[in-house]
Every structure is written in structure tokens, then in C-alpha cells.
Amino acid sequence: MRRLISRFISDTSGATAIEYALIAAGLSIVIAVTVNGLGAKLNNNYTAVNSALK
């Protein structure tokens, strides 16, 4: 039993998976914010071009 608890405490594979999940979540937030900002700018540009063509 003591060896099982010692092995459980020294196992760090779960921590690595959590770290990768946090990195992936952070990157997805950055990508979503960037795409949202670019989408708004592109929408304004297309609206201006559409108005100029009319």
C-alpha cells in the first residue's frame, strides 16, 4: 500500500496533460479574439466598398 501511494504521488503525467490543456485553451481564446477583431474590420471595409460602388 505504501508503494502504491508513493507511486501515485510521484506520477506527474496528469500534470502534463493539464498544462497542455491550459495552453490549448489560452491559444483558442487568443485566436477567437483575433478572428473576431479582424471580422469586424473586414465587415467595415466591405460596407465601405459596397457604399462606394452604389
PDB file of N, CA and C in Angstrom:
ATOM      1  N   MET A   1       0.831  -1.191   0.000  1.00  0.00           N
ATOM      2  CA  MET A   1       0.000   0.000   0.000  1.00  0.00           C
ATOM      3  C   MET A   1       0.876   1.255   0.000  1.00  0.00           C
ATOM      4  N   ARG A   2       1.945   1.211   0.756  1.00  0.00           N
ATOM      5  CA  ARG A   2       2.844   2.360   0.839  1.00  0.00           C
ATOM      6  C   ARG A   2       3.474   2.635  -0.524  1.00  0.00           C
ATOM      7  N   ARG A   3       3.829   1.576  -1.241  1.00  0.00           N
ATOM      8  CA  ARG A   3       4.434   1.735  -2.555  1.00  0.00           C
ATOM      9  C   ARG A   3       3.431   2.317  -3.551  1.00  0.00           C
ATOM     10  N   LEU A   4       2.174   1.923  -3.452  1.00  0.00           N
ATOM     11  CA  LEU A   4       1.128   2.441  -4.324  1.00  0.00           C
ATOM     12  C   LEU A   4       0.931   3.943  -4.110  1.00  0.00           C
ATOM     13  N   ILE A   5       0.891   4.367  -2.876  1.00  0.00           N
ATOM     14  CA  ILE A   5       0.731   5.792  -2.565  1.00  0.00           C
ATOM     15  C   ILE A   5       1.952   6.576  -3.031  1.00  0.00           C
ATOM     16  N   SER A   6       3.140   6.016  -2.827  1.00  0.00           N
ATOM     17  CA  SER A   6       4.361   6.686  -3.270  1.00  0.00           C
ATOM     18  C   SER A   6       4.382   6.844  -4.786  1.00  0.00           C
ATOM     19  N   ARG A   7       3.962   5.818  -5.502  1.00  0.00           N
ATOM     20  CA  ARG A   7       3.922   5.877  -6.958  1.00  0.00           C
ATOM     21  C   ARG A   7       2.877   6.886  -7.434  1.00  0.00           C
ATOM     22  N   PHE A   8       1.754   6.967  -6.734  1.00  0.00           N
ATOM     23  CA  PHE A   8       0.703   7.923  -7.090  1.00  0.00           C
ATOM     24  C   PHE A   8       1.181   9.356  -6.907  1.00  0.00           C
ATOM     25  N   ILE A   9       1.886   9.621  -5.825  1.00  0.00           N
ATOM     26  CA  ILE A   9       2.372  10.977  -5.539  1.00  0.00           C
ATOM     27  C   ILE A   9       3.445  11.390  -6.541  1.00  0.00           C
ATOM     28  N   SER A  10       4.298  10.462  -6.944  1.00  0.00           N
ATOM     29  CA  SER A  10       5.385  10.812  -7.849  1.00  0.00           C
ATOM     30  C   SER A  10       4.967  10.840  -9.318  1.00  0.00           C
ATOM     31  N   ASP A  11       3.764  10.403  -9.648  1.00  0.00           N
ATOM     32  CA  ASP A  11       3.294  10.395 -11.035  1.00  0.00           C
ATOM     33  C   ASP A  11       2.933  11.815 -11.456  1.00  0.00           C
ATOM     34  N   THR A  12       3.557  12.314 -12.529  1.00  0.00           N
ATOM     35  CA  THR A  12       3.312  13.674 -12.994  1.00  0.00           C
ATOM     36  C   THR A  12       2.672  13.718 -14.374  1.00  0.00           C
ATOM     37  N   SER A  13       2.248  12.590 -14.911  1.00  0.00           N
ATOM     38  CA  SER A  13       1.670  12.584 -16.252  1.00  0.00           C
ATOM     39  C   SER A  13       0.359  13.359 -16.310  1.00  0.00           C
ATOM     40  N   GLY A  14      -0.413  13.352 -15.259  1.00  0.00           N
ATOM     41  CA  GLY A  14      -1.656  14.119 -15.228  1.00  0.00           C
ATOM     42  C   GLY A  14      -1.397  15.613 -15.242  1.00  0.00           C
ATOM     43  N   ALA A  15      -0.345  16.044 -14.560  1.00  0.00           N
ATOM     44  CA  ALA A  15       0.003  17.461 -14.535  1.00  0.00           C
ATOM     45  C   ALA A  15       0.393  17.941 -15.927  1.00  0.00           C
ATOM     46  N   THR A  16       1.090  17.115 -16.675  1.00  0.00           N
ATOM     47  CA  THR A  16       1.489  17.491 -18.026  1.00  0.00           C
ATOM     48  C   THR A  16       0.266  17.643 -18.922  1.00  0.00           C
ATOM     49  N   ALA A  17      -0.677  16.746 -18.788  1.00  0.00           N
ATOM     50  CA  ALA A  17      -1.896  16.837 -19.593  1.00  0.00           C
ATOM     51  C   ALA A  17      -2.673  18.107 -19.259  1.00  0.00           C
ATOM     52  N   ILE A  18      -2.728  18.459 -17.994  1.00  0.00           N
ATOM     53  CA  ILE A  18      -3.422  19.678 -17.580  1.00  0.00           C
ATOM     54  C   ILE A  18      -2.714  20.905 -18.139  1.00  0.00           C
ATOM     55  N   GLU A  19      -1.388  20.898 -18.125  1.00  0.00           N
ATOM     56  CA  GLU A  19      -0.634  22.025 -18.670  1.00  0.00           C
ATOM     57  C   GLU A  19      -0.910  22.189 -20.162  1.00  0.00           C
ATOM     58  N   TYR A  20      -0.924  21.089 -20.903  1.00  0.00           N
ATOM     59  CA  TYR A  20      -1.221  21.171 -22.332  1.00  0.00           C
ATOM     60  C   TYR A  20      -2.646  21.662 -22.565  1.00  0.00           C
ATOM     61  N   ALA A  21      -3.565  21.247 -21.740  1.00  0.00           N
ATOM     62  CA  ALA A  21      -4.947  21.700 -21.882  1.00  0.00           C
ATOM     63  C   ALA A  21      -5.052  23.200 -21.626  1.00  0.00           C
ATOM     64  N   LEU A  22      -4.325  23.711 -20.636  1.00  0.00           N
ATOM     65  CA  LEU A  22      -4.341  25.149 -20.360  1.00  0.00           C
ATOM     66  C   LEU A  22      -3.719  25.942 -21.505  1.00  0.00           C
ATOM     67  N   ILE A  23      -2.642  25.421 -22.083  1.00  0.00           N
ATOM     68  CA  ILE A  23      -2.022  26.094 -23.223  1.00  0.00           C
ATOM     69  C   ILE A  23      -2.991  26.121 -24.401  1.00  0.00           C
ATOM     70  N   ALA A  24      -3.644  25.008 -24.676  1.00  0.00           N
ATOM     71  CA  ALA A  24      -4.600  24.943 -25.781  1.00  0.00           C
ATOM     72  C   ALA A  24      -5.773  25.896 -25.547  1.00  0.00           C
ATOM     73  N   ALA A  25      -6.251  25.981 -24.319  1.00  0.00           N
ATOM     74  CA  ALA A  25      -7.357  26.889 -24.016  1.00  0.00           C
ATOM     75  C   ALA A  25      -6.929  28.343 -24.211  1.00  0.00           C
ATOM     76  N   GLY A  26      -5.721  28.673 -23.769  1.00  0.00           N
ATOM     77  CA  GLY A  26      -5.223  30.035 -23.947  1.00  0.00           C
ATOM     78  C   GLY A  26      -5.079  30.402 -25.414  1.00  0.00           C
ATOM     79  N   LEU A  27      -4.545  29.480 -26.206  1.00  0.00           N
ATOM     80  CA  LEU A  27      -4.395  29.741 -27.635  1.00  0.00           C
ATOM     81  C   LEU A  27      -5.746  29.891 -28.324  1.00  0.00           C
ATOM     82  N   SER A  28      -6.709  29.088 -27.935  1.00  0.00           N
ATOM     83  CA  SER A  28      -8.023  29.190 -28.571  1.00  0.00           C
ATOM     84  C   SER A  28      -8.697  30.523 -28.241  1.00  0.00           C
ATOM     85  N   ILE A  29      -8.483  31.027 -27.039  1.00  0.00           N
ATOM     86  CA  ILE A  29      -9.042  32.337 -26.671  1.00  0.00           C
ATOM     87  C   ILE A  29      -8.389  33.435 -27.503  1.00  0.00           C
ATOM     88  N   VAL A  30      -7.071  33.372 -27.656  1.00  0.00           N
ATOM     89  CA  VAL A  30      -6.358  34.378 -28.449  1.00  0.00           C
ATOM     90  C   VAL A  30      -6.827  34.332 -29.903  1.00  0.00           C
ATOM     91  N   ILE A  31      -6.981  33.143 -30.449  1.00  0.00           N
ATOM     92  CA  ILE A  31      -7.433  33.013 -31.838  1.00  0.00           C
ATOM     93  C   ILE A  31      -8.853  33.559 -31.996  1.00  0.00           C
ATOM     94  N   ALA A  32      -9.732  33.256 -31.058  1.00  0.00           N
ATOM     95  CA  ALA A  32     -11.114  33.729 -31.150  1.00  0.00           C
ATOM     96  C   ALA A  32     -11.186  35.252 -31.092  1.00  0.00           C
ATOM     97  N   VAL A  33     -10.417  35.856 -30.217  1.00  0.00           N
ATOM     98  CA  VAL A  33     -10.419  37.315 -30.098  1.00  0.00           C
ATOM     99  C   VAL A  33      -9.856  37.953 -31.366  1.00  0.00           C
ATOM    100  N   THR A  34      -8.794  37.377 -31.907  1.00  0.00           N
ATOM    101  CA  THR A  34      -8.180  37.918 -33.122  1.00  0.00           C
ATOM    102  C   THR A  34      -9.132  37.813 -34.311  1.00  0.00           C
ATOM    103  N   VAL A  35      -9.750  36.665 -34.481  1.00  0.00           N
ATOM    104  CA  VAL A  35     -10.678  36.478 -35.600  1.00  0.00           C
ATOM    105  C   VAL A  35     -11.877  37.412 -35.462  1.00  0.00           C
ATOM    106  N   ASN A  36     -12.358  37.597 -34.263  1.00  0.00           N
ATOM    107  CA  ASN A  36     -13.489  38.488 -34.029  1.00  0.00           C
ATOM    108  C   ASN A  36     -13.114  39.924 -34.403  1.00  0.00           C
ATOM    109  N   GLY A  37     -11.932  40.367 -33.999  1.00  0.00           N
ATOM    110  CA  GLY A  37     -11.485  41.722 -34.328  1.00  0.00           C
ATOM    111  C   GLY A  37     -11.282  41.913 -35.813  1.00  0.00           C
ATOM    112  N   LEU A  38     -10.674  40.935 -36.469  1.00  0.00           N
ATOM    113  CA  LEU A  38     -10.472  41.031 -37.915  1.00  0.00           C
ATOM    114  C   LEU A  38     -11.795  40.980 -38.663  1.00  0.00           C
ATOM    115  N   GLY A  39     -12.726  40.203 -38.170  1.00  0.00           N
ATOM    116  CA  GLY A  39     -14.039  40.111 -38.809  1.00  0.00           C
ATOM    117  C   GLY A  39     -14.759  41.441 -38.792  1.00  0.00           C
ATOM    118  N   ALA A  40     -14.675  42.158 -37.681  1.00  0.00           N
ATOM    119  CA  ALA A  40     -15.324  43.460 -37.589  1.00  0.00           C
ATOM    120  C   ALA A  40     -14.674  44.453 -38.555  1.00  0.00           C
ATOM    121  N   LYS A  41     -13.349  44.431 -38.653  1.00  0.00           N
ATOM    122  CA  LYS A  41     -12.657  45.335 -39.579  1.00  0.00           C
ATOM    123  C   LYS A  41     -13.019  45.010 -41.025  1.00  0.00           C
ATOM    124  N   LEU A  42     -13.027  43.731 -41.374  1.00  0.00           N
ATOM    125  CA  LEU A  42     -13.378  43.344 -42.737  1.00  0.00           C
ATOM    126  C   LEU A  42     -14.818  43.721 -43.078  1.00  0.00           C
ATOM    127  N   ASN A  43     -15.701  43.581 -42.132  1.00  0.00           N
ATOM    128  CA  ASN A  43     -17.097  43.949 -42.352  1.00  0.00           C
ATOM    129  C   ASN A  43     -17.207  45.441 -42.643  1.00  0.00           C
ATOM    130  N   ASN A  44     -16.473  46.255 -41.899  1.00  0.00           N
ATOM    131  CA  ASN A  44     -16.494  47.695 -42.149  1.00  0.00           C
ATOM    132  C   ASN A  44     -15.920  48.015 -43.529  1.00  0.00           C
ATOM    133  N   ASN A  45     -14.857  47.341 -43.911  1.00  0.00           N
ATOM    134  CA  ASN A  45     -14.258  47.584 -45.233  1.00  0.00           C
ATOM    135  C   ASN A  45     -15.220  47.188 -46.352  1.00  0.00           C
ATOM    136  N   TYR A  46     -15.859  46.041 -46.237  1.00  0.00           N
ATOM    137  CA  TYR A  46     -16.805  45.605 -47.262  1.00  0.00           C
ATOM    138  C   TYR A  46     -18.001  46.546 -47.340  1.00  0.00           C
ATOM    139  N   THR A  47     -18.443  47.061 -46.208  1.00  0.00           N
ATOM    140  CA  THR A  47     -19.546  48.009 -46.197  1.00  0.00           C
ATOM    141  C   THR A  47     -19.148  49.300 -46.906  1.00  0.00           C
ATOM    142  N   ALA A  48     -17.921  49.764 -46.642  1.00  0.00           N
ATOM    143  CA  ALA A  48     -17.450  50.986 -47.301  1.00  0.00           C
ATOM    144  C   ALA A  48     -17.316  50.782 -48.799  1.00  0.00           C
ATOM    145  N   VAL A  49     -16.806  49.644 -49.225  1.00  0.00           N
ATOM    146  CA  VAL A  49     -16.676  49.359 -50.661  1.00  0.00           C
ATOM    147  C   VAL A  49     -18.059  49.263 -51.306  1.00  0.00           C
ATOM    148  N   ASN A  50     -18.973  48.621 -50.630  1.00  0.00           N
ATOM    149  CA  ASN A  50     -20.336  48.478 -51.154  1.00  0.00           C
ATOM    150  C   ASN A  50     -20.994  49.851 -51.298  1.00  0.00           C
ATOM    151  N   SER A  51     -20.813  50.718 -50.325  1.00  0.00           N
ATOM    152  CA  SER A  51     -21.389  52.060 -50.397  1.00  0.00           C
ATOM    153  C   SER A  51     -20.753  52.864 -51.521  1.00  0.00           C
ATOM    154  N   ALA A  52     -19.455  52.705 -51.713  1.00  0.00           N
ATOM    155  CA  ALA A  52     -18.761  53.443 -52.763  1.00  0.00           C
ATOM    156  C   ALA A  52     -19.186  52.987 -54.147  1.00  0.00           C
ATOM    157  N   LEU A  53     -19.546  51.739 -54.295  1.00  0.00           N
ATOM    158  CA  LEU A  53     -19.941  51.217 -55.603  1.00  0.00           C
ATOM    159  C   LEU A  53     -21.357  51.589 -55.980  1.00  0.00           C
ATOM    160  N   LYS A  54     -22.181  51.970 -55.032  1.00  0.00           N
ATOM    161  CA  LYS A  54     -23.582  52.294 -55.331  1.00  0.00           C
ATOM    162  C   LYS A  54     -23.725  53.665 -55.907  1.00  0.00           C
TER     163      LYS A  54
END
